[in-house]
Amino acid sequence: MRTIVIILFILWLAGCSSSVENQIKVEKPKELEVTIESDPKQVQINEKVTFTSTVKYGNEDISKDAEVMFEVIENGVSYGNLPIKPSANGTYQLELKFSEPGEHQVIAHVSYKDLHEMPILPFQVME
């Protein structure tokens, strides 16, 4: 009888420890995902181009509480950071025209919580 009680007690402990292990889930930290693209893809002098950045934290679209700035670089010269307000569904937009041909870049500087991302979109402005 005593042996049966000990065996049942051991089985009970084993069952409790495995159910505790099953209840503890390690949550992966969410990542800040930022993309940037232009419309049109081929940029012409004095043609309006819209730059759109999409910001996600995990699967969640971020359209508030993020600090978003676009840095414009024309032929190696930075024109500084322009603060951008959200459009909708985690998108941020900037419309520009370029008067000089050459190599250009737009960098989306995005800060959210303790994270910072800055994807770069290089492109050519054609005559």
C-alpha atoms as a PDB file:
ATOM      1  CA  MET A   1       0.000   0.000   0.000  1.00  0.00           C
ATOM      2  CA  ARG A   2       2.785   2.374   0.954  1.00  0.00           C
ATOM      3  CA  THR A   3       4.531   1.624  -2.349  1.00  0.00           C
ATOM      4  CA  ILE A   4       1.358   2.435  -4.280  1.00  0.00           C
ATOM      5  CA  VAL A   5       1.023   5.778  -2.476  1.00  0.00           C
ATOM      6  CA  ILE A   6       4.640   6.650  -3.255  1.00  0.00           C
ATOM      7  CA  ILE A   7       4.202   5.709  -6.927  1.00  0.00           C
ATOM      8  CA  LEU A   8       0.990   7.762  -7.179  1.00  0.00           C
ATOM      9  CA  PHE A   9       2.726  10.708  -5.492  1.00  0.00           C
ATOM     10  CA  ILE A  10       5.641  10.524  -7.967  1.00  0.00           C
ATOM     11  CA  LEU A  11       3.232  10.326 -10.928  1.00  0.00           C
ATOM     12  CA  TRP A  12       1.301  13.295  -9.556  1.00  0.00           C
ATOM     13  CA  LEU A  13       4.524  15.344  -9.240  1.00  0.00           C
ATOM     14  CA  ALA A  14       5.569  14.388 -12.766  1.00  0.00           C
ATOM     15  CA  GLY A  15       2.141  15.408 -14.086  1.00  0.00           C
ATOM     16  CA  CYS A  16       2.259  18.759 -12.282  1.00  0.00           C
ATOM     17  CA  SER A  17       5.736  19.637 -13.531  1.00  0.00           C
ATOM     18  CA  SER A  18       4.892  18.848 -17.152  1.00  0.00           C
ATOM     19  CA  SER A  19       1.673  20.883 -16.997  1.00  0.00           C
ATOM     20  CA  VAL A  20       3.631  23.837 -15.568  1.00  0.00           C
ATOM     21  CA  GLU A  21       6.156  23.521 -18.404  1.00  0.00           C
ATOM     22  CA  ASN A  22       3.306  23.508 -20.927  1.00  0.00           C
ATOM     23  CA  GLN A  23       1.814  26.664 -19.400  1.00  0.00           C
ATOM     24  CA  ILE A  24       5.029  28.695 -19.564  1.00  0.00           C
ATOM     25  CA  LYS A  25       5.385  30.203 -23.030  1.00  0.00           C
ATOM     26  CA  VAL A  26       8.401  32.213 -23.962  1.00  0.00           C
ATOM     27  CA  GLU A  27       7.259  35.157 -26.040  1.00  0.00           C
ATOM     28  CA  LYS A  28       9.655  36.282 -28.740  1.00  0.00           C
ATOM     29  CA  PRO A  29      10.328  40.004 -28.633  1.00  0.00           C
ATOM     30  CA  LYS A  30       8.548  41.877 -31.398  1.00  0.00           C
ATOM     31  CA  GLU A  31      10.617  43.506 -34.087  1.00  0.00           C
ATOM     32  CA  LEU A  32      10.204  46.905 -35.691  1.00  0.00           C
ATOM     33  CA  GLU A  33       9.771  46.439 -39.427  1.00  0.00           C
ATOM     34  CA  VAL A  34      10.083  49.504 -41.655  1.00  0.00           C
ATOM     35  CA  THR A  35       9.886  49.617 -45.454  1.00  0.00           C
ATOM     36  CA  ILE A  36      10.228  52.548 -47.850  1.00  0.00           C
ATOM     37  CA  GLU A  37       9.320  52.834 -51.526  1.00  0.00           C
ATOM     38  CA  SER A  38       8.682  55.481 -54.147  1.00  0.00           C
ATOM     39  CA  ASP A  39       5.916  56.107 -56.663  1.00  0.00           C
ATOM     40  CA  PRO A  40       6.908  56.358 -59.437  1.00  0.00           C
ATOM     41  CA  LYS A  41       9.906  54.019 -59.325  1.00  0.00           C
ATOM     42  CA  GLN A  42      11.654  55.935 -62.140  1.00  0.00           C
ATOM     43  CA  VAL A  43      12.052  59.536 -60.917  1.00  0.00           C
ATOM     44  CA  GLN A  44      12.261  62.390 -63.451  1.00  0.00           C
ATOM     45  CA  ILE A  45      13.379  66.000 -62.888  1.00  0.00           C
ATOM     46  CA  ASN A  46      10.516  68.254 -61.665  1.00  0.00           C
ATOM     47  CA  GLU A  47       8.136  65.297 -61.457  1.00  0.00           C
ATOM     48  CA  LYS A  48       6.241  64.752 -58.215  1.00  0.00           C
ATOM     49  CA  VAL A  49       7.278  61.601 -56.398  1.00  0.00           C
ATOM     50  CA  THR A  50       5.639  60.148 -53.296  1.00  0.00           C
ATOM     51  CA  PHE A  51       7.743  58.274 -50.767  1.00  0.00           C
ATOM     52  CA  THR A  52       5.811  55.865 -48.549  1.00  0.00           C
ATOM     53  CA  SER A  53       7.139  54.174 -45.456  1.00  0.00           C
ATOM     54  CA  THR A  54       5.222  51.389 -43.710  1.00  0.00           C
ATOM     55  CA  VAL A  55       5.858  50.780 -40.013  1.00  0.00           C
ATOM     56  CA  LYS A  56       4.968  47.540 -38.214  1.00  0.00           C
ATOM     57  CA  TYR A  57       5.714  46.308 -34.713  1.00  0.00           C
ATOM     58  CA  GLY A  58       5.337  42.566 -34.958  1.00  0.00           C
ATOM     59  CA  ASN A  59       2.091  42.181 -36.941  1.00  0.00           C
ATOM     60  CA  GLU A  60       0.686  45.499 -35.693  1.00  0.00           C
ATOM     61  CA  ASP A  61       0.543  48.577 -37.954  1.00  0.00           C
ATOM     62  CA  ILE A  62       1.945  51.595 -36.114  1.00  0.00           C
ATOM     63  CA  SER A  63       0.263  54.874 -37.001  1.00  0.00           C
ATOM     64  CA  LYS A  64       0.776  56.728 -33.729  1.00  0.00           C
ATOM     65  CA  ASP A  65       3.392  56.908 -30.997  1.00  0.00           C
ATOM     66  CA  ALA A  66       6.194  56.407 -33.548  1.00  0.00           C
ATOM     67  CA  GLU A  67       8.653  59.141 -34.404  1.00  0.00           C
ATOM     68  CA  VAL A  68       9.161  59.138 -38.172  1.00  0.00           C
ATOM     69  CA  MET A  69      11.458  61.447 -40.135  1.00  0.00           C
ATOM     70  CA  PHE A  70      12.586  61.288 -43.745  1.00  0.00           C
ATOM     71  CA  GLU A  71      16.118  62.390 -44.561  1.00  0.00           C
ATOM     72  CA  VAL A  72      16.632  63.524 -48.161  1.00  0.00           C
ATOM     73  CA  ILE A  73      20.116  63.278 -49.676  1.00  0.00           C
ATOM     74  CA  GLU A  74      20.763  64.752 -53.127  1.00  0.00           C
ATOM     75  CA  ASN A  75      24.110  63.997 -54.786  1.00  0.00           C
ATOM     76  CA  GLY A  76      25.759  63.393 -51.403  1.00  0.00           C
ATOM     77  CA  VAL A  77      24.259  66.469 -49.676  1.00  0.00           C
ATOM     78  CA  SER A  78      21.801  65.886 -46.827  1.00  0.00           C
ATOM     79  CA  TYR A  79      18.922  68.329 -46.584  1.00  0.00           C
ATOM     80  CA  GLY A  80      18.160  67.243 -43.023  1.00  0.00           C
ATOM     81  CA  ASN A  81      15.303  65.321 -41.444  1.00  0.00           C
ATOM     82  CA  LEU A  82      11.681  66.140 -42.193  1.00  0.00           C
ATOM     83  CA  PRO A  83       9.153  65.015 -39.536  1.00  0.00           C
ATOM     84  CA  ILE A  84       6.326  63.006 -41.087  1.00  0.00           C
ATOM     85  CA  LYS A  85       2.829  62.448 -39.724  1.00  0.00           C
ATOM     86  CA  PRO A  86       1.017  59.145 -40.229  1.00  0.00           C
ATOM     87  CA  SER A  87      -1.396  58.717 -43.134  1.00  0.00           C
ATOM     88  CA  ALA A  88      -3.275  55.527 -42.214  1.00  0.00           C
ATOM     89  CA  ASN A  89      -2.615  51.912 -41.299  1.00  0.00           C
ATOM     90  CA  GLY A  90       0.986  52.502 -40.313  1.00  0.00           C
ATOM     91  CA  THR A  91       1.974  54.402 -43.470  1.00  0.00           C
ATOM     92  CA  TYR A  92       3.877  57.672 -43.610  1.00  0.00           C
ATOM     93  CA  GLN A  93       4.216  59.723 -46.804  1.00  0.00           C
ATOM     94  CA  LEU A  94       6.286  62.553 -48.231  1.00  0.00           C
ATOM     95  CA  GLU A  95       5.848  64.212 -51.628  1.00  0.00           C
ATOM     96  CA  LEU A  96       8.815  65.881 -53.307  1.00  0.00           C
ATOM     97  CA  LYS A  97      10.109  67.170 -56.634  1.00  0.00           C
ATOM     98  CA  PHE A  98      13.785  67.059 -57.558  1.00  0.00           C
ATOM     99  CA  SER A  99      15.399  69.737 -59.715  1.00  0.00           C
ATOM    100  CA  GLU A 100      18.825  68.095 -60.106  1.00  0.00           C
ATOM    101  CA  PRO A 101      19.629  64.796 -61.829  1.00  0.00           C
ATOM    102  CA  GLY A 102      21.882  62.288 -60.136  1.00  0.00           C
ATOM    103  CA  GLU A 103      22.108  59.878 -57.242  1.00  0.00           C
ATOM    104  CA  HIS A 104      19.652  60.512 -54.441  1.00  0.00           C
ATOM    105  CA  GLN A 105      18.516  58.757 -51.278  1.00  0.00           C
ATOM    106  CA  VAL A 106      15.633  58.947 -48.862  1.00  0.00           C
ATOM    107  CA  ILE A 107      16.204  57.459 -45.421  1.00  0.00           C
ATOM    108  CA  ALA A 108      13.225  56.716 -43.167  1.00  0.00           C
ATOM    109  CA  HIS A 109      14.344  57.250 -39.559  1.00  0.00           C
ATOM    110  CA  VAL A 110      11.783  55.478 -37.344  1.00  0.00           C
ATOM    111  CA  SER A 111      11.839  55.274 -33.543  1.00  0.00           C
ATOM    112  CA  TYR A 112       9.222  53.290 -31.648  1.00  0.00           C
ATOM    113  CA  LYS A 113       9.493  52.165 -28.040  1.00  0.00           C
ATOM    114  CA  ASP A 114      13.222  51.405 -27.563  1.00  0.00           C
ATOM    115  CA  LEU A 115      13.759  50.467 -31.210  1.00  0.00           C
ATOM    116  CA  HIS A 116      15.151  52.424 -34.161  1.00  0.00           C
ATOM    117  CA  GLU A 117      15.219  51.451 -37.830  1.00  0.00           C
ATOM    118  CA  MET A 118      16.428  53.447 -40.814  1.00  0.00           C
ATOM    119  CA  PRO A 119      15.932  51.796 -44.207  1.00  0.00           C
ATOM    120  CA  ILE A 120      17.526  53.582 -47.159  1.00  0.00           C
ATOM    121  CA  LEU A 121      15.948  53.991 -50.600  1.00  0.00           C
ATOM    122  CA  PRO A 122      18.590  54.875 -53.202  1.00  0.00           C
ATOM    123  CA  PHE A 123      17.369  56.067 -56.632  1.00  0.00           C
ATOM    124  CA  GLN A 124      18.405  58.013 -59.718  1.00  0.00           C
ATOM    125  CA  VAL A 125      16.745  61.228 -60.837  1.00  0.00           C
ATOM    126  CA  MET A 126      16.766  61.255 -64.634  1.00  0.00           C
ATOM    127  CA  GLU A 127      16.473  64.161 -67.061  1.00  0.00           C
END
